[in-house]
Amino acid sequence: MREQIGDQMTMERLFEGTVLENISLGRDLATFENVKWAIENLGLNDFIKKLPEGYNTMINTQGRGLPESTVTKLLLARSVATKPKLLFLENTFEHLGEKDCKQIIDFITAKQHGWTMVTVSSNKYLAKLSDKIIVLKAGEISAIGTYDELKDSGSFKTDSNA
């Protein structure tokens, strides 16, 4: 069941190991082809090409020395490399620039992936592409609807990142 769920939660970290090990985590469904697919779609090709040993390059614990945006993308690659049926993301877009953010949101929300995605985010662009938004206030549901239904109601606040 674990291979059917992808997640990138706030507490996720990279560990000391190769790029490939950090993404695949030894999971059968995280084949090298699937890892490459994730890397390509998350805009990490240039990063991999610049590494001395490509996918076999060692990464420091918690990705020390890497830009936060790269760490975020590697962790997201880990979450999608099994092509899960259910994808959980928590504040994934905080450390990404607007261009990367939109590219990644377009990728993860593309219908062809077939996964169900649950996110915790205040990203306006993601909200616009979401089928349903559930707004929580003080742990209680305060509103449910589409972006268009909720945008003028004052029910939720979005960031201006995208």
C-alpha atoms as a PDB file:
ATOM      1  CA  MET A   1       0.000   0.000   0.000  1.00  0.00           C
ATOM      2  CA  ARG A   2       2.879   2.398   0.815  1.00  0.00           C
ATOM      3  CA  GLU A   3       3.999   2.380  -2.821  1.00  0.00           C
ATOM      4  CA  GLN A   4       0.549   3.615  -3.870  1.00  0.00           C
ATOM      5  CA  ILE A   5       0.937   6.779  -1.789  1.00  0.00           C
ATOM      6  CA  GLY A   6       3.348   9.593  -2.572  1.00  0.00           C
ATOM      7  CA  ASP A   7       3.940  12.367  -0.099  1.00  0.00           C
ATOM      8  CA  GLN A   8       6.015  15.429   0.496  1.00  0.00           C
ATOM      9  CA  MET A   9       5.344  16.642   3.981  1.00  0.00           C
ATOM     10  CA  THR A  10       7.056  19.480   5.822  1.00  0.00           C
ATOM     11  CA  MET A  11       9.236  17.086   7.813  1.00  0.00           C
ATOM     12  CA  GLU A  12      10.559  15.165   4.771  1.00  0.00           C
ATOM     13  CA  ARG A  13      14.342  15.328   4.428  1.00  0.00           C
ATOM     14  CA  LEU A  14      17.069  14.113   2.141  1.00  0.00           C
ATOM     15  CA  PHE A  15      19.508  11.642   3.670  1.00  0.00           C
ATOM     16  CA  GLU A  16      23.170  10.896   3.071  1.00  0.00           C
ATOM     17  CA  GLY A  17      23.142   8.772  -0.054  1.00  0.00           C
ATOM     18  CA  THR A  18      23.064   9.081  -3.817  1.00  0.00           C
ATOM     19  CA  VAL A  19      20.529  11.128  -5.729  1.00  0.00           C
ATOM     20  CA  LEU A  20      19.017   7.876  -6.988  1.00  0.00           C
ATOM     21  CA  GLU A  21      18.793   6.390  -3.474  1.00  0.00           C
ATOM     22  CA  ASN A  22      17.168   9.566  -2.144  1.00  0.00           C
ATOM     23  CA  ILE A  23      14.452   9.419  -4.779  1.00  0.00           C
ATOM     24  CA  SER A  24      13.855   5.676  -5.122  1.00  0.00           C
ATOM     25  CA  LEU A  25      14.152   4.728  -1.427  1.00  0.00           C
ATOM     26  CA  GLY A  26      14.518   1.112  -2.584  1.00  0.00           C
ATOM     27  CA  ARG A  27      10.866   0.944  -3.672  1.00  0.00           C
ATOM     28  CA  ASP A  28      10.151  -1.494  -6.507  1.00  0.00           C
ATOM     29  CA  LEU A  29       7.851   0.916  -8.358  1.00  0.00           C
ATOM     30  CA  ALA A  30      10.475   3.684  -8.256  1.00  0.00           C
ATOM     31  CA  THR A  31      12.331   2.205 -11.208  1.00  0.00           C
ATOM     32  CA  PHE A  32      15.203   4.084 -12.811  1.00  0.00           C
ATOM     33  CA  GLU A  33      12.860   4.966 -15.704  1.00  0.00           C
ATOM     34  CA  ASN A  34      10.306   6.396 -13.275  1.00  0.00           C
ATOM     35  CA  VAL A  35      13.012   8.354 -11.447  1.00  0.00           C
ATOM     36  CA  LYS A  36      14.204   9.810 -14.768  1.00  0.00           C
ATOM     37  CA  TRP A  37      10.578  10.673 -15.643  1.00  0.00           C
ATOM     38  CA  ALA A  38      10.186  12.512 -12.335  1.00  0.00           C
ATOM     39  CA  ILE A  39      13.516  14.349 -12.755  1.00  0.00           C
ATOM     40  CA  GLU A  40      12.627  15.472 -16.284  1.00  0.00           C
ATOM     41  CA  ASN A  41       9.156  16.678 -15.350  1.00  0.00           C
ATOM     42  CA  LEU A  42      10.327  18.555 -12.265  1.00  0.00           C
ATOM     43  CA  GLY A  43      13.031  20.509 -14.082  1.00  0.00           C
ATOM     44  CA  LEU A  44      16.035  18.747 -12.549  1.00  0.00           C
ATOM     45  CA  ASN A  45      17.768  17.586 -15.749  1.00  0.00           C
ATOM     46  CA  ASP A  46      20.352  20.375 -15.708  1.00  0.00           C
ATOM     47  CA  PHE A  47      21.059  19.745 -12.021  1.00  0.00           C
ATOM     48  CA  ILE A  48      21.709  16.027 -12.699  1.00  0.00           C
ATOM     49  CA  LYS A  49      23.904  16.781 -15.742  1.00  0.00           C
ATOM     50  CA  LYS A  50      26.131  19.082 -13.666  1.00  0.00           C
ATOM     51  CA  LEU A  51      26.717  16.497 -10.945  1.00  0.00           C
ATOM     52  CA  PRO A  52      30.092  14.698 -11.114  1.00  0.00           C
ATOM     53  CA  GLU A  53      28.488  11.234 -11.046  1.00  0.00           C
ATOM     54  CA  GLY A  54      24.961  12.101 -12.180  1.00  0.00           C
ATOM     55  CA  TYR A  55      22.350  10.013 -10.366  1.00  0.00           C
ATOM     56  CA  ASN A  56      25.144   8.284  -8.411  1.00  0.00           C
ATOM     57  CA  THR A  57      26.412  11.525  -6.841  1.00  0.00           C
ATOM     58  CA  MET A  58      26.293  11.520  -3.053  1.00  0.00           C
ATOM     59  CA  ILE A  59      24.084  14.063  -1.286  1.00  0.00           C
ATOM     60  CA  ASN A  60      24.780  15.333   2.226  1.00  0.00           C
ATOM     61  CA  THR A  61      22.314  14.792   5.024  1.00  0.00           C
ATOM     62  CA  GLN A  62      19.317  17.099   4.574  1.00  0.00           C
ATOM     63  CA  GLY A  63      20.748  18.259   1.237  1.00  0.00           C
ATOM     64  CA  ARG A  64      23.226  20.645   2.884  1.00  0.00           C
ATOM     65  CA  GLY A  65      24.862  22.828   0.261  1.00  0.00           C
ATOM     66  CA  LEU A  66      21.978  22.523  -2.182  1.00  0.00           C
ATOM     67  CA  PRO A  67      19.533  25.342  -2.925  1.00  0.00           C
ATOM     68  CA  GLU A  68      16.172  24.938  -1.141  1.00  0.00           C
ATOM     69  CA  SER A  69      14.445  24.846  -4.525  1.00  0.00           C
ATOM     70  CA  THR A  70      16.552  21.836  -5.578  1.00  0.00           C
ATOM     71  CA  VAL A  71      15.890  20.043  -2.295  1.00  0.00           C
ATOM     72  CA  THR A  72      12.158  20.682  -2.762  1.00  0.00           C
ATOM     73  CA  LYS A  73      12.246  19.268  -6.294  1.00  0.00           C
ATOM     74  CA  LEU A  74      14.215  16.183  -5.203  1.00  0.00           C
ATOM     75  CA  LEU A  75      11.711  15.494  -2.433  1.00  0.00           C
ATOM     76  CA  LEU A  76       8.854  15.970  -4.872  1.00  0.00           C
ATOM     77  CA  ALA A  77      10.581  13.570  -7.287  1.00  0.00           C
ATOM     78  CA  ARG A  78      10.655  11.046  -4.437  1.00  0.00           C
ATOM     79  CA  SER A  79       6.904  11.465  -3.944  1.00  0.00           C
ATOM     80  CA  VAL A  80       5.955  10.929  -7.608  1.00  0.00           C
ATOM     81  CA  ALA A  81       8.605   8.377  -8.680  1.00  0.00           C
ATOM     82  CA  THR A  82       6.287   5.448  -7.970  1.00  0.00           C
ATOM     83  CA  LYS A  83       3.474   7.119  -9.964  1.00  0.00           C
ATOM     84  CA  PRO A  84       1.239   6.791  -6.915  1.00  0.00           C
ATOM     85  CA  LYS A  85      -2.534   6.634  -6.827  1.00  0.00           C
ATOM     86  CA  LEU A  86      -2.678   9.122  -3.940  1.00  0.00           C
ATOM     87  CA  LEU A  87      -0.372  12.130  -3.599  1.00  0.00           C
ATOM     88  CA  PHE A  88      -0.131  14.210  -0.395  1.00  0.00           C
ATOM     89  CA  LEU A  89       1.726  17.533  -0.538  1.00  0.00           C
ATOM     90  CA  GLU A  90       2.230  19.983   2.307  1.00  0.00           C
ATOM     91  CA  ASN A  91       3.468  23.515   1.585  1.00  0.00           C
ATOM     92  CA  THR A  92       5.501  22.192  -1.320  1.00  0.00           C
ATOM     93  CA  PHE A  93       5.816  25.429  -3.287  1.00  0.00           C
ATOM     94  CA  GLU A  94       7.273  27.797  -0.679  1.00  0.00           C
ATOM     95  CA  HIS A  95      10.882  27.661  -1.913  1.00  0.00           C
ATOM     96  CA  LEU A  96      10.207  27.733  -5.646  1.00  0.00           C
ATOM     97  CA  GLY A  97      10.339  30.689  -7.977  1.00  0.00           C
ATOM     98  CA  GLU A  98       7.205  31.596  -9.920  1.00  0.00           C
ATOM     99  CA  LYS A  99       8.291  29.917 -13.181  1.00  0.00           C
ATOM    100  CA  ASP A 100       9.299  26.636 -11.487  1.00  0.00           C
ATOM    101  CA  CYS A 101       6.200  26.751  -9.325  1.00  0.00           C
ATOM    102  CA  LYS A 102       3.826  27.037 -12.291  1.00  0.00           C
ATOM    103  CA  GLN A 103       5.689  24.347 -14.267  1.00  0.00           C
ATOM    104  CA  ILE A 104       5.538  21.914 -11.366  1.00  0.00           C
ATOM    105  CA  ILE A 105       1.897  22.665 -10.570  1.00  0.00           C
ATOM    106  CA  ASP A 106       1.011  22.099 -14.243  1.00  0.00           C
ATOM    107  CA  PHE A 107       2.834  18.768 -14.087  1.00  0.00           C
ATOM    108  CA  ILE A 108       1.325  17.495 -10.849  1.00  0.00           C
ATOM    109  CA  THR A 109      -2.221  18.581 -11.741  1.00  0.00           C
ATOM    110  CA  ALA A 110      -2.169  17.077 -15.249  1.00  0.00           C
ATOM    111  CA  LYS A 111      -5.102  14.667 -15.507  1.00  0.00           C
ATOM    112  CA  GLN A 112      -3.080  11.971 -17.318  1.00  0.00           C
ATOM    113  CA  HIS A 113      -1.301  11.016 -14.093  1.00  0.00           C
ATOM    114  CA  GLY A 114      -4.521   9.656 -12.650  1.00  0.00           C
ATOM    115  CA  TRP A 115      -3.550  10.263  -9.051  1.00  0.00           C
ATOM    116  CA  THR A 116      -5.747  11.895  -6.458  1.00  0.00           C
ATOM    117  CA  MET A 117      -3.922  14.791  -4.899  1.00  0.00           C
ATOM    118  CA  VAL A 118      -4.471  16.307  -1.469  1.00  0.00           C
ATOM    119  CA  THR A 119      -2.468  19.440  -0.753  1.00  0.00           C
ATOM    120  CA  VAL A 120      -2.020  21.935   2.027  1.00  0.00           C
ATOM    121  CA  SER A 121      -1.160  25.152   0.255  1.00  0.00           C
ATOM    122  CA  SER A 122      -2.039  28.801  -0.070  1.00  0.00           C
ATOM    123  CA  ASN A 123      -0.847  28.955  -3.675  1.00  0.00           C
ATOM    124  CA  LYS A 124      -3.384  30.821  -5.813  1.00  0.00           C
ATOM    125  CA  TYR A 125      -2.348  29.146  -9.088  1.00  0.00           C
ATOM    126  CA  LEU A 126      -2.797  25.690  -7.562  1.00  0.00           C
ATOM    127  CA  ALA A 127      -6.161  26.745  -6.130  1.00  0.00           C
ATOM    128  CA  LYS A 128      -7.337  27.768  -9.612  1.00  0.00           C
ATOM    129  CA  LEU A 129      -6.455  24.321 -11.007  1.00  0.00           C
ATOM    130  CA  SER A 130      -7.954  22.341  -8.123  1.00  0.00           C
ATOM    131  CA  ASP A 131     -11.254  20.516  -8.518  1.00  0.00           C
ATOM    132  CA  LYS A 132     -12.267  21.221  -4.936  1.00  0.00           C
ATOM    133  CA  ILE A 133     -10.983  23.444  -2.175  1.00  0.00           C
ATOM    134  CA  ILE A 134     -11.669  22.804   1.490  1.00  0.00           C
ATOM    135  CA  VAL A 135     -10.907  25.758   3.741  1.00  0.00           C
ATOM    136  CA  LEU A 136     -10.070  25.037   7.375  1.00  0.00           C
ATOM    137  CA  LYS A 137     -10.181  27.634  10.133  1.00  0.00           C
ATOM    138  CA  ALA A 138      -9.240  26.659  13.687  1.00  0.00           C
ATOM    139  CA  GLY A 139      -9.395  23.000  12.661  1.00  0.00           C
ATOM    140  CA  GLU A 140     -12.964  23.257  11.359  1.00  0.00           C
ATOM    141  CA  ILE A 141     -14.198  23.246   7.764  1.00  0.00           C
ATOM    142  CA  SER A 142     -15.311  26.794   7.003  1.00  0.00           C
ATOM    143  CA  ALA A 143     -15.926  26.516   3.250  1.00  0.00           C
ATOM    144  CA  ILE A 144     -15.955  24.013   0.398  1.00  0.00           C
ATOM    145  CA  GLY A 145     -16.064  24.822  -3.296  1.00  0.00           C
ATOM    146  CA  THR A 146     -14.120  25.612  -6.421  1.00  0.00           C
ATOM    147  CA  TYR A 147     -11.755  28.543  -6.725  1.00  0.00           C
ATOM    148  CA  ASP A 148     -14.359  30.533  -8.660  1.00  0.00           C
ATOM    149  CA  GLU A 149     -16.993  29.843  -6.002  1.00  0.00           C
ATOM    150  CA  LEU A 150     -14.709  30.889  -3.136  1.00  0.00           C
ATOM    151  CA  LYS A 151     -12.446  33.612  -4.529  1.00  0.00           C
ATOM    152  CA  ASP A 152     -14.713  36.567  -3.759  1.00  0.00           C
ATOM    153  CA  SER A 153     -16.239  35.179  -0.585  1.00  0.00           C
ATOM    154  CA  GLY A 154     -13.320  36.034   1.673  1.00  0.00           C
ATOM    155  CA  SER A 155     -13.258  32.370   2.712  1.00  0.00           C
ATOM    156  CA  PHE A 156      -9.584  31.889   2.063  1.00  0.00           C
ATOM    157  CA  LYS A 157      -6.358  33.753   1.615  1.00  0.00           C
ATOM    158  CA  THR A 158      -3.876  32.821  -1.088  1.00  0.00           C
ATOM    159  CA  ASP A 159      -0.263  33.837  -1.462  1.00  0.00           C
ATOM    160  CA  SER A 160       0.846  35.909  -4.406  1.00  0.00           C
ATOM    161  CA  ASN A 161       3.637  33.527  -5.480  1.00  0.00           C
ATOM    162  CA  ALA A 162       1.822  32.445  -8.621  1.00  0.00           C
END
